[in-house]
Amino acid sequence: MVHPGSPLSPEIWLRDLFSSKSVTSGQVIRRKRRDIERYAGMELFLREARARGYQVVQNREQLVIFCNQAPIRRLI
């Protein structure tokens, strides 16, 4: 559910997220699941990440977004 009191629309929030310096340089970022759900909605967020070829993993309430298309290998 999108937070009704947010000054940003989901599209603007996602645009700001996916245009950050870390993202544009292919690094890894993380966000709290509740923030993604509050500001953009999980379905829209995942659709946008998928369209960019990014991978997203979740551990508890943190989502880790790999802002590149390199494979992920779990070491342990």
C-alpha atoms as a PDB file:
ATOM      1  CA  MET A   1       0.000   0.000   0.000  1.00  0.00           C
ATOM      2  CA  VAL A   2       1.298   3.444  -0.901  1.00  0.00           C
ATOM      3  CA  HIS A   3       1.604   5.900   1.991  1.00  0.00           C
ATOM      4  CA  PRO A   4      -1.078   8.560   1.540  1.00  0.00           C
ATOM      5  CA  GLY A   5       0.978  11.254   3.315  1.00  0.00           C
ATOM      6  CA  SER A   6       4.042  10.920   1.102  1.00  0.00           C
ATOM      7  CA  PRO A   7       4.967  14.083  -0.784  1.00  0.00           C
ATOM      8  CA  LEU A   8       6.338  11.924  -3.599  1.00  0.00           C
ATOM      9  CA  SER A   9       4.367   9.883  -6.068  1.00  0.00           C
ATOM     10  CA  PRO A  10       5.471   6.239  -6.465  1.00  0.00           C
ATOM     11  CA  GLU A  11       6.913   7.082  -9.873  1.00  0.00           C
ATOM     12  CA  ILE A  12       9.010   9.952  -8.510  1.00  0.00           C
ATOM     13  CA  TRP A  13      10.216   7.867  -5.557  1.00  0.00           C
ATOM     14  CA  LEU A  14      11.280   5.064  -7.911  1.00  0.00           C
ATOM     15  CA  ARG A  15      12.907   7.501 -10.327  1.00  0.00           C
ATOM     16  CA  ASP A  16      14.929   8.984  -7.467  1.00  0.00           C
ATOM     17  CA  LEU A  17      15.894   5.533  -6.181  1.00  0.00           C
ATOM     18  CA  PHE A  18      16.969   4.166  -9.560  1.00  0.00           C
ATOM     19  CA  SER A  19      18.867   7.314 -10.562  1.00  0.00           C
ATOM     20  CA  SER A  20      21.065   7.464  -7.461  1.00  0.00           C
ATOM     21  CA  LYS A  21      24.836   7.451  -7.918  1.00  0.00           C
ATOM     22  CA  SER A  22      25.178   3.935  -6.451  1.00  0.00           C
ATOM     23  CA  VAL A  23      22.596   2.547  -8.834  1.00  0.00           C
ATOM     24  CA  THR A  24      23.967   4.214 -11.938  1.00  0.00           C
ATOM     25  CA  SER A  25      27.457   2.919 -11.143  1.00  0.00           C
ATOM     26  CA  GLY A  26      26.193  -0.667 -10.822  1.00  0.00           C
ATOM     27  CA  GLN A  27      26.587  -1.067  -7.093  1.00  0.00           C
ATOM     28  CA  VAL A  28      24.382  -2.709  -4.482  1.00  0.00           C
ATOM     29  CA  ILE A  29      21.788  -0.839  -2.418  1.00  0.00           C
ATOM     30  CA  ARG A  30      19.375  -1.881   0.283  1.00  0.00           C
ATOM     31  CA  ARG A  31      16.015  -0.635   1.438  1.00  0.00           C
ATOM     32  CA  LYS A  32      13.532  -1.641   4.112  1.00  0.00           C
ATOM     33  CA  ARG A  33      10.616  -3.607   2.741  1.00  0.00           C
ATOM     34  CA  ARG A  34       8.137  -1.375   4.575  1.00  0.00           C
ATOM     35  CA  ASP A  35       9.577   1.728   2.884  1.00  0.00           C
ATOM     36  CA  ILE A  36       9.255   0.194  -0.560  1.00  0.00           C
ATOM     37  CA  GLU A  37       5.701  -0.858   0.211  1.00  0.00           C
ATOM     38  CA  ARG A  38       4.897   2.568   1.668  1.00  0.00           C
ATOM     39  CA  TYR A  39       6.318   4.747  -1.079  1.00  0.00           C
ATOM     40  CA  ALA A  40       5.965   2.701  -4.256  1.00  0.00           C
ATOM     41  CA  GLY A  41       4.278  -0.615  -3.614  1.00  0.00           C
ATOM     42  CA  MET A  42       6.089  -3.932  -3.925  1.00  0.00           C
ATOM     43  CA  GLU A  43       4.569  -4.915  -7.272  1.00  0.00           C
ATOM     44  CA  LEU A  44       5.575  -1.674  -8.986  1.00  0.00           C
ATOM     45  CA  PHE A  45       9.054  -1.752  -7.410  1.00  0.00           C
ATOM     46  CA  LEU A  46       9.713  -5.330  -8.549  1.00  0.00           C
ATOM     47  CA  ARG A  47       8.415  -4.569 -12.033  1.00  0.00           C
ATOM     48  CA  GLU A  48      10.820  -1.619 -12.328  1.00  0.00           C
ATOM     49  CA  ALA A  49      13.776  -3.612 -10.966  1.00  0.00           C
ATOM     50  CA  ARG A  50      13.018  -6.496 -13.358  1.00  0.00           C
ATOM     51  CA  ALA A  51      12.770  -4.110 -16.325  1.00  0.00           C
ATOM     52  CA  ARG A  52      16.301  -2.920 -15.537  1.00  0.00           C
ATOM     53  CA  GLY A  53      17.625  -6.465 -15.269  1.00  0.00           C
ATOM     54  CA  TYR A  54      18.380  -6.087 -11.541  1.00  0.00           C
ATOM     55  CA  GLN A  55      18.142  -8.867  -8.999  1.00  0.00           C
ATOM     56  CA  VAL A  56      16.496  -8.356  -5.614  1.00  0.00           C
ATOM     57  CA  VAL A  57      16.884 -10.570  -2.560  1.00  0.00           C
ATOM     58  CA  GLN A  58      15.249 -10.287   0.830  1.00  0.00           C
ATOM     59  CA  ASN A  59      16.563 -11.083   4.296  1.00  0.00           C
ATOM     60  CA  ARG A  60      14.058 -10.360   7.044  1.00  0.00           C
ATOM     61  CA  GLU A  61      12.843  -6.832   6.353  1.00  0.00           C
ATOM     62  CA  GLN A  62      15.787  -5.717   4.199  1.00  0.00           C
ATOM     63  CA  LEU A  63      15.780  -5.918   0.422  1.00  0.00           C
ATOM     64  CA  VAL A  64      19.139  -5.942  -1.300  1.00  0.00           C
ATOM     65  CA  ILE A  65      19.075  -4.686  -4.864  1.00  0.00           C
ATOM     66  CA  PHE A  66      21.947  -5.690  -7.144  1.00  0.00           C
ATOM     67  CA  CYS A  67      22.027  -2.824  -9.617  1.00  0.00           C
ATOM     68  CA  ASN A  68      23.796  -4.712 -12.352  1.00  0.00           C
ATOM     69  CA  GLN A  69      23.199  -7.885 -14.324  1.00  0.00           C
ATOM     70  CA  ALA A  70      26.118  -9.899 -12.929  1.00  0.00           C
ATOM     71  CA  PRO A  71      25.293 -13.334 -11.511  1.00  0.00           C
ATOM     72  CA  ILE A  72      24.874 -13.754  -7.771  1.00  0.00           C
ATOM     73  CA  ARG A  73      26.693 -16.608  -6.081  1.00  0.00           C
ATOM     74  CA  ARG A  74      26.007 -17.529  -2.483  1.00  0.00           C
ATOM     75  CA  LEU A  75      29.280 -18.473  -0.795  1.00  0.00           C
ATOM     76  CA  ILE A  76      28.013 -20.008   2.457  1.00  0.00           C
END
